[in-house]
N, C-alpha and C. Protein backbone atom coordinates (compact mmCIF):
# COMPACT_ATOMS: atom_id res chain seq x y z
N MET A 1 108.20 79.13 109.50
CA MET A 1 108.16 80.51 109.95
C MET A 1 109.16 80.69 111.10
N ARG A 2 109.96 81.71 111.00
CA ARG A 2 110.96 81.99 112.02
C ARG A 2 110.36 82.84 113.14
N ASP A 3 110.88 82.67 114.35
CA ASP A 3 110.44 83.49 115.48
C ASP A 3 111.42 84.65 115.64
N TYR A 4 111.03 85.82 115.16
CA TYR A 4 111.92 86.98 115.17
C TYR A 4 112.35 87.37 116.58
N LYS A 5 111.53 87.07 117.59
CA LYS A 5 111.85 87.46 118.96
C LYS A 5 113.06 86.71 119.51
N LYS A 6 113.43 85.63 118.84
CA LYS A 6 114.60 84.85 119.27
C LYS A 6 115.88 85.29 118.56
N LEU A 7 115.77 86.16 117.59
CA LEU A 7 116.94 86.57 116.81
C LEU A 7 117.71 87.68 117.52
N ASP A 8 119.00 87.47 117.70
CA ASP A 8 119.84 88.50 118.32
C ASP A 8 119.80 89.80 117.52
N VAL A 9 119.78 89.68 116.21
CA VAL A 9 119.79 90.87 115.37
C VAL A 9 118.52 91.70 115.59
N TRP A 10 117.39 91.05 115.82
CA TRP A 10 116.15 91.77 116.11
C TRP A 10 116.23 92.44 117.48
N LYS A 11 116.77 91.72 118.46
CA LYS A 11 116.90 92.27 119.82
C LYS A 11 117.81 93.50 119.82
N ILE A 12 118.88 93.44 119.07
CA ILE A 12 119.81 94.58 118.98
C ILE A 12 119.11 95.76 118.30
N ALA A 13 118.31 95.46 117.29
CA ALA A 13 117.56 96.52 116.60
C ALA A 13 116.57 97.20 117.55
N VAL A 14 115.90 96.41 118.38
CA VAL A 14 114.96 96.98 119.35
C VAL A 14 115.71 97.83 120.37
N ASP A 15 116.88 97.39 120.78
CA ASP A 15 117.70 98.20 121.70
C ASP A 15 118.07 99.54 121.06
N LEU A 16 118.38 99.51 119.76
CA LEU A 16 118.67 100.75 119.05
C LEU A 16 117.43 101.64 119.03
N ASN A 17 116.25 101.05 118.79
CA ASN A 17 114.99 101.83 118.83
C ASN A 17 114.87 102.58 120.15
N LYS A 18 115.12 101.89 121.23
CA LYS A 18 114.99 102.50 122.57
C LYS A 18 115.97 103.65 122.74
N LEU A 19 117.20 103.46 122.26
CA LEU A 19 118.20 104.53 122.34
C LEU A 19 117.77 105.74 121.52
N VAL A 20 117.30 105.49 120.32
CA VAL A 20 116.87 106.58 119.44
C VAL A 20 115.73 107.35 120.08
N TYR A 21 114.76 106.64 120.62
CA TYR A 21 113.64 107.32 121.27
C TYR A 21 114.10 108.14 122.47
N ALA A 22 115.01 107.59 123.26
CA ALA A 22 115.49 108.31 124.44
C ALA A 22 116.22 109.60 124.04
N VAL A 23 117.07 109.52 123.04
CA VAL A 23 117.86 110.68 122.64
C VAL A 23 117.00 111.72 121.93
N THR A 24 116.08 111.27 121.08
CA THR A 24 115.27 112.22 120.32
C THR A 24 114.21 112.91 121.18
N ARG A 25 114.00 112.41 122.37
CA ARG A 25 113.07 113.06 123.31
C ARG A 25 113.50 114.50 123.58
N ASP A 26 114.81 114.75 123.50
CA ASP A 26 115.35 116.08 123.78
C ASP A 26 115.54 116.95 122.54
N PHE A 27 115.11 116.46 121.37
CA PHE A 27 115.21 117.27 120.16
C PHE A 27 114.27 118.47 120.29
N PRO A 28 114.56 119.54 119.57
CA PRO A 28 113.68 120.72 119.62
C PRO A 28 112.25 120.34 119.23
N LYS A 29 111.30 120.99 119.88
CA LYS A 29 109.88 120.70 119.63
C LYS A 29 109.48 120.99 118.18
N ASP A 30 110.15 121.96 117.54
CA ASP A 30 109.80 122.26 116.15
C ASP A 30 110.28 121.17 115.18
N GLU A 31 111.01 120.18 115.68
CA GLU A 31 111.45 119.04 114.87
C GLU A 31 110.56 117.81 115.04
N VAL A 32 109.49 117.94 115.84
CA VAL A 32 108.66 116.77 116.14
C VAL A 32 108.11 116.12 114.87
N TYR A 33 107.80 116.93 113.84
CA TYR A 33 107.29 116.37 112.58
C TYR A 33 108.38 116.30 111.52
N GLY A 34 109.59 116.64 111.90
CA GLY A 34 110.71 116.62 110.97
C GLY A 34 111.68 115.50 111.32
N LEU A 35 112.85 115.91 111.74
CA LEU A 35 113.93 114.95 112.00
C LEU A 35 113.58 113.96 113.10
N THR A 36 112.90 114.41 114.14
CA THR A 36 112.53 113.50 115.23
C THR A 36 111.68 112.36 114.70
N SER A 37 110.65 112.70 113.96
CA SER A 37 109.75 111.68 113.40
C SER A 37 110.49 110.78 112.40
N GLN A 38 111.29 111.39 111.55
CA GLN A 38 111.98 110.64 110.51
C GLN A 38 112.96 109.62 111.08
N ILE A 39 113.76 110.03 112.05
CA ILE A 39 114.75 109.12 112.60
C ILE A 39 114.08 108.01 113.41
N ARG A 40 113.00 108.33 114.07
CA ARG A 40 112.27 107.31 114.82
C ARG A 40 111.64 106.30 113.88
N ARG A 41 111.02 106.78 112.81
CA ARG A 41 110.38 105.86 111.85
C ARG A 41 111.42 104.97 111.18
N ALA A 42 112.55 105.53 110.82
CA ALA A 42 113.61 104.73 110.19
C ALA A 42 114.14 103.69 111.16
N SER A 43 114.29 104.07 112.41
CA SER A 43 114.78 103.15 113.43
C SER A 43 113.81 101.99 113.63
N VAL A 44 112.54 102.31 113.76
CA VAL A 44 111.52 101.27 113.95
C VAL A 44 111.43 100.37 112.72
N SER A 45 111.68 100.93 111.57
CA SER A 45 111.64 100.16 110.33
C SER A 45 112.67 99.03 110.31
N ILE A 46 113.78 99.23 110.99
CA ILE A 46 114.82 98.20 111.02
C ILE A 46 114.28 96.92 111.66
N SER A 47 113.80 97.02 112.88
CA SER A 47 113.29 95.83 113.58
C SER A 47 112.02 95.31 112.93
N SER A 48 111.21 96.21 112.40
CA SER A 48 109.96 95.79 111.75
C SER A 48 110.23 94.97 110.50
N ASN A 49 111.22 95.37 109.70
CA ASN A 49 111.55 94.61 108.50
C ASN A 49 112.13 93.24 108.83
N ILE A 50 112.89 93.17 109.91
CA ILE A 50 113.40 91.86 110.34
C ILE A 50 112.23 90.96 110.71
N ALA A 51 111.30 91.50 111.49
CA ALA A 51 110.13 90.72 111.90
C ALA A 51 109.29 90.32 110.70
N GLU A 52 109.04 91.26 109.81
CA GLU A 52 108.23 90.94 108.63
C GLU A 52 108.89 89.89 107.76
N GLY A 53 110.20 90.00 107.60
CA GLY A 53 110.92 89.01 106.81
C GLY A 53 110.82 87.61 107.37
N CYS A 54 110.72 87.53 108.68
CA CYS A 54 110.59 86.21 109.32
C CYS A 54 109.29 85.51 108.92
N GLY A 55 108.31 86.26 108.51
CA GLY A 55 107.04 85.70 108.11
C GLY A 55 106.98 85.30 106.65
N ARG A 56 108.03 85.53 105.92
CA ARG A 56 108.05 85.20 104.49
C ARG A 56 108.40 83.74 104.27
N ARG A 57 107.97 83.23 103.15
CA ARG A 57 108.12 81.80 102.88
C ARG A 57 109.54 81.37 102.55
N THR A 58 110.22 82.18 101.77
CA THR A 58 111.54 81.74 101.29
C THR A 58 112.66 82.55 101.94
N SER A 59 113.81 81.94 101.94
CA SER A 59 114.99 82.63 102.46
C SER A 59 115.33 83.83 101.59
N LYS A 60 115.09 83.71 100.29
CA LYS A 60 115.36 84.84 99.39
C LYS A 60 114.51 86.04 99.78
N ASP A 61 113.23 85.81 100.07
CA ASP A 61 112.36 86.90 100.50
C ASP A 61 112.82 87.46 101.85
N PHE A 62 113.20 86.57 102.75
CA PHE A 62 113.69 87.00 104.06
C PHE A 62 114.91 87.90 103.91
N VAL A 63 115.83 87.50 103.06
CA VAL A 63 117.05 88.28 102.84
C VAL A 63 116.71 89.66 102.29
N GLN A 64 115.71 89.74 101.42
CA GLN A 64 115.30 91.05 100.88
C GLN A 64 114.86 91.98 102.01
N PHE A 65 114.11 91.45 102.97
CA PHE A 65 113.68 92.28 104.10
C PHE A 65 114.86 92.65 105.00
N LEU A 66 115.83 91.75 105.11
CA LEU A 66 117.04 92.08 105.87
C LEU A 66 117.81 93.20 105.19
N HIS A 67 117.82 93.19 103.86
CA HIS A 67 118.46 94.29 103.12
C HIS A 67 117.69 95.59 103.32
N ASN A 68 116.37 95.51 103.38
CA ASN A 68 115.57 96.70 103.68
C ASN A 68 115.93 97.26 105.05
N SER A 69 116.14 96.36 106.01
CA SER A 69 116.57 96.77 107.35
C SER A 69 117.91 97.49 107.29
N THR A 70 118.80 96.97 106.48
CA THR A 70 120.12 97.59 106.33
C THR A 70 119.99 98.99 105.75
N GLY A 71 119.10 99.16 104.78
CA GLY A 71 118.87 100.48 104.21
C GLY A 71 118.34 101.45 105.25
N SER A 72 117.41 101.00 106.06
CA SER A 72 116.87 101.85 107.12
C SER A 72 117.95 102.20 108.15
N LEU A 73 118.82 101.25 108.42
CA LEU A 73 119.92 101.49 109.35
C LEU A 73 120.85 102.58 108.81
N LYS A 74 121.13 102.54 107.52
CA LYS A 74 121.96 103.58 106.90
C LYS A 74 121.27 104.94 107.00
N GLU A 75 119.95 104.93 106.83
CA GLU A 75 119.18 106.15 106.96
C GLU A 75 119.33 106.73 108.38
N VAL A 76 119.22 105.88 109.39
CA VAL A 76 119.39 106.32 110.78
C VAL A 76 120.78 106.91 110.98
N GLY A 77 121.79 106.23 110.45
CA GLY A 77 123.16 106.72 110.58
C GLY A 77 123.33 108.10 109.99
N SER A 78 122.76 108.31 108.82
CA SER A 78 122.84 109.61 108.16
C SER A 78 122.11 110.68 108.95
N GLN A 79 120.95 110.34 109.46
CA GLN A 79 120.17 111.29 110.24
C GLN A 79 120.85 111.65 111.55
N LEU A 80 121.57 110.70 112.12
CA LEU A 80 122.32 110.97 113.35
C LEU A 80 123.42 111.99 113.10
N VAL A 81 124.09 111.88 111.97
CA VAL A 81 125.13 112.86 111.63
C VAL A 81 124.52 114.25 111.52
N LEU A 82 123.38 114.35 110.85
CA LEU A 82 122.70 115.64 110.73
C LEU A 82 122.31 116.17 112.11
N ALA A 83 121.75 115.30 112.95
CA ALA A 83 121.33 115.72 114.29
C ALA A 83 122.53 116.22 115.10
N LYS A 84 123.66 115.57 114.96
CA LYS A 84 124.87 116.01 115.65
C LYS A 84 125.33 117.36 115.11
N ASP A 85 125.34 117.48 113.78
CA ASP A 85 125.78 118.73 113.16
C ASP A 85 124.88 119.91 113.53
N LEU A 86 123.60 119.64 113.75
CA LEU A 86 122.66 120.68 114.15
C LEU A 86 122.68 120.97 115.65
N GLY A 87 123.46 120.18 116.38
CA GLY A 87 123.58 120.38 117.82
C GLY A 87 122.45 119.74 118.63
N TYR A 88 121.70 118.84 118.01
CA TYR A 88 120.60 118.17 118.70
C TYR A 88 121.07 116.99 119.53
N VAL A 89 122.24 116.46 119.18
CA VAL A 89 122.79 115.28 119.85
C VAL A 89 124.17 115.64 120.38
N SER A 90 124.41 115.31 121.62
CA SER A 90 125.75 115.55 122.19
C SER A 90 126.75 114.59 121.56
N GLY A 91 128.01 114.92 121.69
CA GLY A 91 129.06 114.03 121.18
C GLY A 91 129.00 112.66 121.82
N GLU A 92 128.72 112.64 123.11
CA GLU A 92 128.63 111.37 123.84
C GLU A 92 127.46 110.52 123.33
N ASP A 93 126.30 111.15 123.19
CA ASP A 93 125.14 110.42 122.68
C ASP A 93 125.36 109.96 121.24
N PHE A 94 125.96 110.84 120.44
CA PHE A 94 126.25 110.46 119.05
C PHE A 94 127.15 109.24 119.01
N ASN A 95 128.22 109.25 119.81
CA ASN A 95 129.15 108.11 119.81
C ASN A 95 128.46 106.83 120.25
N ARG A 96 127.61 106.93 121.24
CA ARG A 96 126.88 105.76 121.73
C ARG A 96 125.94 105.22 120.64
N LEU A 97 125.19 106.12 120.01
CA LEU A 97 124.27 105.71 118.95
C LEU A 97 125.02 105.20 117.72
N ASN A 98 126.06 105.90 117.35
CA ASN A 98 126.84 105.49 116.18
C ASN A 98 127.46 104.11 116.39
N SER A 99 127.94 103.85 117.59
CA SER A 99 128.49 102.51 117.90
C SER A 99 127.41 101.46 117.78
N ALA A 100 126.20 101.77 118.24
CA ALA A 100 125.08 100.83 118.14
C ALA A 100 124.71 100.58 116.68
N VAL A 101 124.76 101.63 115.86
CA VAL A 101 124.47 101.50 114.43
C VAL A 101 125.52 100.59 113.77
N ILE A 102 126.77 100.82 114.08
CA ILE A 102 127.84 100.01 113.49
C ILE A 102 127.72 98.55 113.93
N LYS A 103 127.46 98.34 115.21
CA LYS A 103 127.30 96.97 115.73
C LYS A 103 126.15 96.27 115.03
N LEU A 104 125.02 96.93 114.91
CA LEU A 104 123.87 96.33 114.26
C LEU A 104 124.16 96.08 112.77
N GLY A 105 124.83 97.00 112.13
CA GLY A 105 125.19 96.82 110.72
C GLY A 105 126.04 95.58 110.52
N ASN A 106 127.01 95.38 111.39
CA ASN A 106 127.86 94.19 111.30
C ASN A 106 127.05 92.91 111.54
N LYS A 107 126.17 92.96 112.53
CA LYS A 107 125.31 91.80 112.83
C LYS A 107 124.39 91.49 111.65
N LEU A 108 123.79 92.53 111.08
CA LEU A 108 122.89 92.32 109.95
C LEU A 108 123.64 91.72 108.76
N LEU A 109 124.80 92.25 108.47
CA LEU A 109 125.60 91.72 107.35
C LEU A 109 125.93 90.24 107.57
N GLY A 110 126.37 89.92 108.77
CA GLY A 110 126.69 88.53 109.08
C GLY A 110 125.46 87.64 109.00
N PHE A 111 124.32 88.15 109.46
CA PHE A 111 123.10 87.35 109.44
C PHE A 111 122.60 87.15 108.01
N ILE A 112 122.72 88.18 107.17
CA ILE A 112 122.35 88.03 105.77
C ILE A 112 123.19 86.94 105.11
N LYS A 113 124.48 86.97 105.35
CA LYS A 113 125.36 85.93 104.78
C LYS A 113 124.98 84.55 105.29
N TYR A 114 124.66 84.45 106.57
CA TYR A 114 124.25 83.18 107.15
C TYR A 114 122.98 82.65 106.49
N VAL A 115 121.99 83.49 106.35
CA VAL A 115 120.72 83.07 105.73
C VAL A 115 120.94 82.69 104.27
N GLU A 116 121.73 83.48 103.55
CA GLU A 116 122.02 83.16 102.15
C GLU A 116 122.73 81.83 102.02
N ASN A 117 123.71 81.57 102.89
CA ASN A 117 124.46 80.31 102.82
C ASN A 117 123.60 79.12 103.26
N SER A 118 122.69 79.35 104.17
CA SER A 118 121.80 78.28 104.64
C SER A 118 120.83 77.86 103.54
N ALA A 119 120.48 78.81 102.69
CA ALA A 119 119.52 78.54 101.62
C ALA A 119 120.17 77.84 100.43
N ALA A 120 121.48 77.93 100.35
CA ALA A 120 122.19 77.37 99.18
C ALA A 120 122.32 75.87 99.24
C-alpha cells in the first residue's frame, strides 16, 4: 500500500483544492449549488482519486485512478474557462489557477508513466 501523503502529485492536487476554494468563495451566491459546487467537487476528486488509487492492490488499478484524476483535472480546467467567461474569475486568478492545472496535469502524466513503467 502506498502512502499518498508522501506523493508530490497528491500534495500539488491539494494545493489546487485550496486555490479553487479560495477563488470560488467570491463566486455569486446563486452559483453555490451550480458552478461553485461543481468545480469544488471536481477539484477534490483529483486528490481523492490519487489517495484511493494508493489503496488498490495492483499498479494497473492505481493507474486507472490516476486517469480518473486526470479526467477530473480536465473538468476543473473547463469549468475555470466558463467561470472566467462569466466574469466570476479575474484574469489574474484564472492565470494562476490555469498554471496550477497545467502543472498538475504534467505531473500526473509523468507519474502515470512512472507507475506503468515500474509495473512492467
